[in-house]
């Protein structure tokens, strides 16, 4: 995500990875792909999960 993140580079990377794993897991639950296998829908939901988690982190961090 563009812009300055309140947590720095390492925190942003960790949040992005966790969000991607959550999105990929949700994709596998919805039957849009299998965990660990290549799938366009799985990648899309992984990216979406990472973006949503980063947006949430920014909102929480900016309100404190």
PDB file of N, CA and C in Angstrom:
ATOM      1  N   UNK A   1       0.838  -1.175   0.000  1.00  0.00           N
ATOM      2  CA  UNK A   1       0.000   0.000   0.000  1.00  0.00           C
ATOM      3  C   UNK A   1       0.880   1.233   0.000  1.00  0.00           C
ATOM      4  N   UNK A   2       0.561   2.194  -0.843  1.00  0.00           N
ATOM      5  CA  UNK A   2       1.363   3.407  -0.846  1.00  0.00           C
ATOM      6  C   UNK A   2       1.118   4.256   0.393  1.00  0.00           C
ATOM      7  N   UNK A   3       2.059   5.090   0.689  1.00  0.00           N
ATOM      8  CA  UNK A   3       1.927   5.994   1.821  1.00  0.00           C
ATOM      9  C   UNK A   3       2.802   5.569   2.977  1.00  0.00           C
ATOM     10  N   UNK A   4       2.921   6.460   3.922  1.00  0.00           N
ATOM     11  CA  UNK A   4       3.755   6.204   5.088  1.00  0.00           C
ATOM     12  C   UNK A   4       2.983   5.351   6.092  1.00  0.00           C
ATOM     13  N   UNK A   5       3.607   4.267   6.511  1.00  0.00           N
ATOM     14  CA  UNK A   5       2.990   3.389   7.494  1.00  0.00           C
ATOM     15  C   UNK A   5       3.469   3.755   8.886  1.00  0.00           C
ATOM     16  N   UNK A   6       2.571   3.701   9.871  1.00  0.00           N
ATOM     17  CA  UNK A   6       2.954   4.094  11.219  1.00  0.00           C
ATOM     18  C   UNK A   6       3.878   3.100  11.925  1.00  0.00           C
ATOM     19  N   UNK A   7       3.974   1.871  11.445  1.00  0.00           N
ATOM     20  CA  UNK A   7       4.755   0.862  12.146  1.00  0.00           C
ATOM     21  C   UNK A   7       6.141   0.639  11.594  1.00  0.00           C
ATOM     22  N   UNK A   8       6.454   1.179  10.456  1.00  0.00           N
ATOM     23  CA  UNK A   8       7.747   0.951   9.849  1.00  0.00           C
ATOM     24  C   UNK A   8       7.729  -0.241   8.902  1.00  0.00           C
ATOM     25  N   UNK A   9       8.855  -0.497   8.301  1.00  0.00           N
ATOM     26  CA  UNK A   9       8.971  -1.507   7.259  1.00  0.00           C
ATOM     27  C   UNK A   9       8.714  -2.924   7.767  1.00  0.00           C
ATOM     28  N   UNK A  10       9.336  -3.321   8.855  1.00  0.00           N
ATOM     29  CA  UNK A  10       9.226  -4.695   9.346  1.00  0.00           C
ATOM     30  C   UNK A  10       7.790  -5.009   9.761  1.00  0.00           C
ATOM     31  N   UNK A  11       7.151  -4.124  10.508  1.00  0.00           N
ATOM     32  CA  UNK A  11       5.767  -4.337  10.946  1.00  0.00           C
ATOM     33  C   UNK A  11       4.844  -4.428   9.737  1.00  0.00           C
ATOM     34  N   UNK A  12       5.051  -3.579   8.743  1.00  0.00           N
ATOM     35  CA  UNK A  12       4.232  -3.597   7.541  1.00  0.00           C
ATOM     36  C   UNK A  12       4.379  -4.926   6.803  1.00  0.00           C
ATOM     37  N   UNK A  13       5.593  -5.427   6.699  1.00  0.00           N
ATOM     38  CA  UNK A  13       5.825  -6.713   6.034  1.00  0.00           C
ATOM     39  C   UNK A  13       5.128  -7.842   6.786  1.00  0.00           C
ATOM     40  N   UNK A  14       5.265  -7.855   8.105  1.00  0.00           N
ATOM     41  CA  UNK A  14       4.645  -8.913   8.913  1.00  0.00           C
ATOM     42  C   UNK A  14       3.124  -8.863   8.790  1.00  0.00           C
ATOM     43  N   UNK A  15       2.543  -7.679   8.865  1.00  0.00           N
ATOM     44  CA  UNK A  15       1.091  -7.542   8.733  1.00  0.00           C
ATOM     45  C   UNK A  15       0.634  -7.975   7.342  1.00  0.00           C
ATOM     46  N   UNK A  16       1.391  -7.633   6.318  1.00  0.00           N
ATOM     47  CA  UNK A  16       1.059  -8.049   4.959  1.00  0.00           C
ATOM     48  C   UNK A  16       1.096  -9.552   4.801  1.00  0.00           C
ATOM     49  N   UNK A  17       2.088 -10.205   5.381  1.00  0.00           N
ATOM     50  CA  UNK A  17       2.192 -11.664   5.286  1.00  0.00           C
ATOM     51  C   UNK A  17       1.034 -12.328   6.029  1.00  0.00           C
ATOM     52  N   UNK A  18       0.740 -11.851   7.234  1.00  0.00           N
ATOM     53  CA  UNK A  18      -0.359 -12.431   8.011  1.00  0.00           C
ATOM     54  C   UNK A  18      -1.687 -12.226   7.285  1.00  0.00           C
ATOM     55  N   UNK A  19      -1.913 -11.053   6.749  1.00  0.00           N
ATOM     56  CA  UNK A  19      -3.137 -10.787   5.993  1.00  0.00           C
ATOM     57  C   UNK A  19      -3.259 -11.662   4.767  1.00  0.00           C
ATOM     58  N   UNK A  20      -2.146 -11.902   4.102  1.00  0.00           N
ATOM     59  CA  UNK A  20      -2.147 -12.767   2.932  1.00  0.00           C
ATOM     60  C   UNK A  20      -2.472 -14.208   3.314  1.00  0.00           C
ATOM     61  N   UNK A  21      -1.928 -14.670   4.422  1.00  0.00           N
ATOM     62  CA  UNK A  21      -2.240 -16.022   4.884  1.00  0.00           C
ATOM     63  C   UNK A  21      -3.712 -16.155   5.251  1.00  0.00           C
ATOM     64  N   UNK A  22      -4.265 -15.147   5.905  1.00  0.00           N
ATOM     65  CA  UNK A  22      -5.684 -15.166   6.254  1.00  0.00           C
ATOM     66  C   UNK A  22      -6.542 -15.168   4.996  1.00  0.00           C
ATOM     67  N   UNK A  23      -6.203 -14.317   4.033  1.00  0.00           N
ATOM     68  CA  UNK A  23      -6.947 -14.279   2.773  1.00  0.00           C
ATOM     69  C   UNK A  23      -6.857 -15.590   2.011  1.00  0.00           C
ATOM     70  N   UNK A  24      -5.676 -16.207   1.983  1.00  0.00           N
ATOM     71  CA  UNK A  24      -5.518 -17.505   1.320  1.00  0.00           C
ATOM     72  C   UNK A  24      -6.304 -18.592   2.022  1.00  0.00           C
ATOM     73  N   UNK A  25      -6.340 -18.546   3.343  1.00  0.00           N
ATOM     74  CA  UNK A  25      -7.110 -19.521   4.113  1.00  0.00           C
ATOM     75  C   UNK A  25      -8.601 -19.363   3.828  1.00  0.00           C
ATOM     76  N   UNK A  26      -9.074 -18.126   3.766  1.00  0.00           N
ATOM     77  CA  UNK A  26     -10.486 -17.884   3.447  1.00  0.00           C
ATOM     78  C   UNK A  26     -10.796 -18.378   2.032  1.00  0.00           C
ATOM     79  N   UNK A  27      -9.870 -18.167   1.104  1.00  0.00           N
ATOM     80  CA  UNK A  27     -10.069 -18.659  -0.264  1.00  0.00           C
ATOM     81  C   UNK A  27     -10.204 -20.168  -0.275  1.00  0.00           C
ATOM     82  N   UNK A  28      -9.392 -20.867   0.521  1.00  0.00           N
ATOM     83  CA  UNK A  28      -9.492 -22.324   0.556  1.00  0.00           C
ATOM     84  C   UNK A  28     -10.801 -22.774   1.203  1.00  0.00           C
ATOM     85  N   UNK A  29     -11.286 -22.030   2.207  1.00  0.00           N
ATOM     86  CA  UNK A  29     -12.567 -22.370   2.821  1.00  0.00           C
ATOM     87  C   UNK A  29     -13.732 -22.178   1.854  1.00  0.00           C
ATOM     88  N   UNK A  30     -13.615 -21.171   0.995  1.00  0.00           N
ATOM     89  CA  UNK A  30     -14.661 -20.903   0.007  1.00  0.00           C
ATOM     90  C   UNK A  30     -14.556 -21.809  -1.214  1.00  0.00           C
ATOM     91  N   UNK A  31     -13.526 -22.650  -1.253  1.00  0.00           N
ATOM     92  CA  UNK A  31     -13.350 -23.551  -2.388  1.00  0.00           C
ATOM     93  C   UNK A  31     -12.765 -22.885  -3.613  1.00  0.00           C
ATOM     94  N   UNK A  32     -12.117 -21.746  -3.437  1.00  0.00           N
ATOM     95  CA  UNK A  32     -11.544 -21.008  -4.567  1.00  0.00           C
ATOM     96  C   UNK A  32     -10.092 -21.377  -4.825  1.00  0.00           C
ATOM     97  N   UNK A  33      -9.594 -22.318  -4.114  1.00  0.00           N
ATOM     98  CA  UNK A  33      -8.214 -22.757  -4.277  1.00  0.00           C
ATOM     99  C   UNK A  33      -7.805 -23.579  -3.076  1.00  0.00           C
ATOM    100  N   UNK A  34      -6.677 -24.236  -3.196  1.00  0.00           N
ATOM    101  CA  UNK A  34      -6.164 -25.025  -2.089  1.00  0.00           C
ATOM    102  C   UNK A  34      -4.974 -24.307  -1.484  1.00  0.00           C
ATOM    103  N   UNK A  35      -4.845 -24.422  -0.171  1.00  0.00           N
ATOM    104  CA  UNK A  35      -3.735 -23.798   0.532  1.00  0.00           C
ATOM    105  C   UNK A  35      -2.440 -24.425   0.046  1.00  0.00           C
ATOM    106  N   UNK A  36      -1.515 -23.623  -0.438  1.00  0.00           N
ATOM    107  CA  UNK A  36      -0.235 -24.121  -0.906  1.00  0.00           C
ATOM    108  C   UNK A  36      -0.176 -24.376  -2.399  1.00  0.00           C
ATOM    109  N   UNK A  37      -1.300 -24.249  -3.099  1.00  0.00           N
ATOM    110  CA  UNK A  37      -1.311 -24.433  -4.553  1.00  0.00           C
ATOM    111  C   UNK A  37      -1.619 -23.116  -5.231  1.00  0.00           C
ATOM    112  N   UNK A  38      -1.103 -22.963  -6.447  1.00  0.00           N
ATOM    113  CA  UNK A  38      -1.292 -21.733  -7.206  1.00  0.00           C
ATOM    114  C   UNK A  38      -2.732 -21.614  -7.684  1.00  0.00           C
ATOM    115  N   UNK A  39      -3.317 -20.449  -7.432  1.00  0.00           N
ATOM    116  CA  UNK A  39      -4.670 -20.156  -7.868  1.00  0.00           C
ATOM    117  C   UNK A  39      -4.814 -18.639  -7.962  1.00  0.00           C
ATOM    118  N   UNK A  40      -5.355 -18.166  -9.058  1.00  0.00           N
ATOM    119  CA  UNK A  40      -5.547 -16.724  -9.235  1.00  0.00           C
ATOM    120  C   UNK A  40      -6.491 -16.178  -8.165  1.00  0.00           C
ATOM    121  N   UNK A  41      -7.571 -16.897  -7.877  1.00  0.00           N
ATOM    122  CA  UNK A  41      -8.517 -16.455  -6.854  1.00  0.00           C
ATOM    123  C   UNK A  41      -7.848 -16.441  -5.478  1.00  0.00           C
ATOM    124  N   UNK A  42      -7.029 -17.430  -5.193  1.00  0.00           N
ATOM    125  CA  UNK A  42      -6.315 -17.476  -3.924  1.00  0.00           C
ATOM    126  C   UNK A  42      -5.346 -16.318  -3.770  1.00  0.00           C
ATOM    127  N   UNK A  43      -4.651 -15.989  -4.846  1.00  0.00           N
ATOM    128  CA  UNK A  43      -3.732 -14.850  -4.820  1.00  0.00           C
ATOM    129  C   UNK A  43      -4.507 -13.547  -4.633  1.00  0.00           C
ATOM    130  N   UNK A  44      -5.619 -13.406  -5.335  1.00  0.00           N
ATOM    131  CA  UNK A  44      -6.428 -12.194  -5.222  1.00  0.00           C
ATOM    132  C   UNK A  44      -6.947 -12.018  -3.801  1.00  0.00           C
ATOM    133  N   UNK A  45      -7.442 -13.092  -3.193  1.00  0.00           N
ATOM    134  CA  UNK A  45      -7.939 -12.987  -1.830  1.00  0.00           C
ATOM    135  C   UNK A  45      -6.795 -12.805  -0.833  1.00  0.00           C
ATOM    136  N   UNK A  46      -5.635 -13.344  -1.136  1.00  0.00           N
ATOM    137  CA  UNK A  46      -4.466 -13.124  -0.290  1.00  0.00           C
ATOM    138  C   UNK A  46      -4.052 -11.660  -0.286  1.00  0.00           C
ATOM    139  N   UNK A  47      -4.030 -11.064  -1.462  1.00  0.00           N
ATOM    140  CA  UNK A  47      -3.703  -9.639  -1.570  1.00  0.00           C
ATOM    141  C   UNK A  47      -4.776  -8.801  -0.886  1.00  0.00           C
ATOM    142  N   UNK A  48      -6.032  -9.159  -1.108  1.00  0.00           N
ATOM    143  CA  UNK A  48      -7.131  -8.420  -0.478  1.00  0.00           C
ATOM    144  C   UNK A  48      -7.037  -8.511   1.050  1.00  0.00           C
ATOM    145  N   UNK A  49      -6.724  -9.700   1.557  1.00  0.00           N
ATOM    146  CA  UNK A  49      -6.580  -9.864   3.004  1.00  0.00           C
ATOM    147  C   UNK A  49      -5.456  -9.018   3.558  1.00  0.00           C
ATOM    148  N   UNK A  50      -4.340  -8.960   2.839  1.00  0.00           N
ATOM    149  CA  UNK A  50      -3.209  -8.146   3.284  1.00  0.00           C
ATOM    150  C   UNK A  50      -3.575  -6.668   3.284  1.00  0.00           C
ATOM    151  N   UNK A  51      -4.244  -6.206   2.252  1.00  0.00           N
ATOM    152  CA  UNK A  51      -4.623  -4.795   2.158  1.00  0.00           C
ATOM    153  C   UNK A  51      -5.614  -4.437   3.262  1.00  0.00           C
ATOM    154  N   UNK A  52      -6.608  -5.306   3.493  1.00  0.00           N
ATOM    155  CA  UNK A  52      -7.602  -5.041   4.533  1.00  0.00           C
ATOM    156  C   UNK A  52      -6.935  -4.971   5.905  1.00  0.00           C
ATOM    157  N   UNK A  53      -6.026  -5.893   6.184  1.00  0.00           N
ATOM    158  CA  UNK A  53      -5.341  -5.881   7.477  1.00  0.00           C
ATOM    159  C   UNK A  53      -4.459  -4.644   7.631  1.00  0.00           C
ATOM    160  N   UNK A  54      -3.788  -4.235   6.565  1.00  0.00           N
ATOM    161  CA  UNK A  54      -2.963  -3.021   6.627  1.00  0.00           C
ATOM    162  C   UNK A  54      -3.812  -1.766   6.811  1.00  0.00           C
ATOM    163  N   UNK A  55      -4.955  -1.706   6.153  1.00  0.00           N
ATOM    164  CA  UNK A  55      -5.855  -0.564   6.332  1.00  0.00           C
ATOM    165  C   UNK A  55      -6.352  -0.522   7.773  1.00  0.00           C
ATOM    166  N   UNK A  56      -6.734  -1.680   8.300  1.00  0.00           N
ATOM    167  CA  UNK A  56      -7.188  -1.741   9.687  1.00  0.00           C
ATOM    168  C   UNK A  56      -6.107  -1.306  10.653  1.00  0.00           C
ATOM    169  N   UNK A  57      -4.882  -1.740  10.409  1.00  0.00           N
ATOM    170  CA  UNK A  57      -3.765  -1.341  11.272  1.00  0.00           C
ATOM    171  C   UNK A  57      -3.548   0.162  11.224  1.00  0.00           C
ATOM    172  N   UNK A  58      -3.608   0.739  10.031  1.00  0.00           N
ATOM    173  CA  UNK A  58      -3.434   2.187   9.905  1.00  0.00           C
ATOM    174  C   UNK A  58      -4.525   2.941  10.649  1.00  0.00           C
ATOM    175  N   UNK A  59      -5.774   2.454  10.536  1.00  0.00           N
ATOM    176  CA  UNK A  59      -6.871   3.117  11.212  1.00  0.00           C
ATOM    177  C   UNK A  59      -6.709   3.065  12.723  1.00  0.00           C
ATOM    178  N   UNK A  60      -6.331   1.915  13.250  1.00  0.00           N
ATOM    179  CA  UNK A  60      -6.143   1.770  14.693  1.00  0.00           C
ATOM    180  C   UNK A  60      -4.979   2.618  15.164  1.00  0.00           C
ATOM    181  N   UNK A  61      -3.883   2.569  14.439  1.00  0.00           N
ATOM    182  CA  UNK A  61      -2.676   3.297  14.840  1.00  0.00           C
ATOM    183  C   UNK A  61      -2.862   4.804  14.740  1.00  0.00           C
ATOM    184  N   UNK A  62      -3.603   5.278  13.744  1.00  0.00           N
ATOM    185  CA  UNK A  62      -3.805   6.724  13.585  1.00  0.00           C
ATOM    186  C   UNK A  62      -4.792   7.294  14.604  1.00  0.00           C
ATOM    187  N   UNK A  63      -5.642   6.452  15.174  1.00  0.00           N
ATOM    188  CA  UNK A  63      -6.612   6.920  16.169  1.00  0.00           C
ATOM    189  C   UNK A  63      -6.019   6.986  17.565  1.00  0.00           C
ATOM    190  N   UNK A  64      -4.836   6.404  17.758  1.00  0.00           N
ATOM    191  CA  UNK A  64      -4.239   6.414  19.093  1.00  0.00           C
ATOM    192  C   UNK A  64      -3.219   7.523  19.234  1.00  0.00           C
TER     193      UNK A  64
END
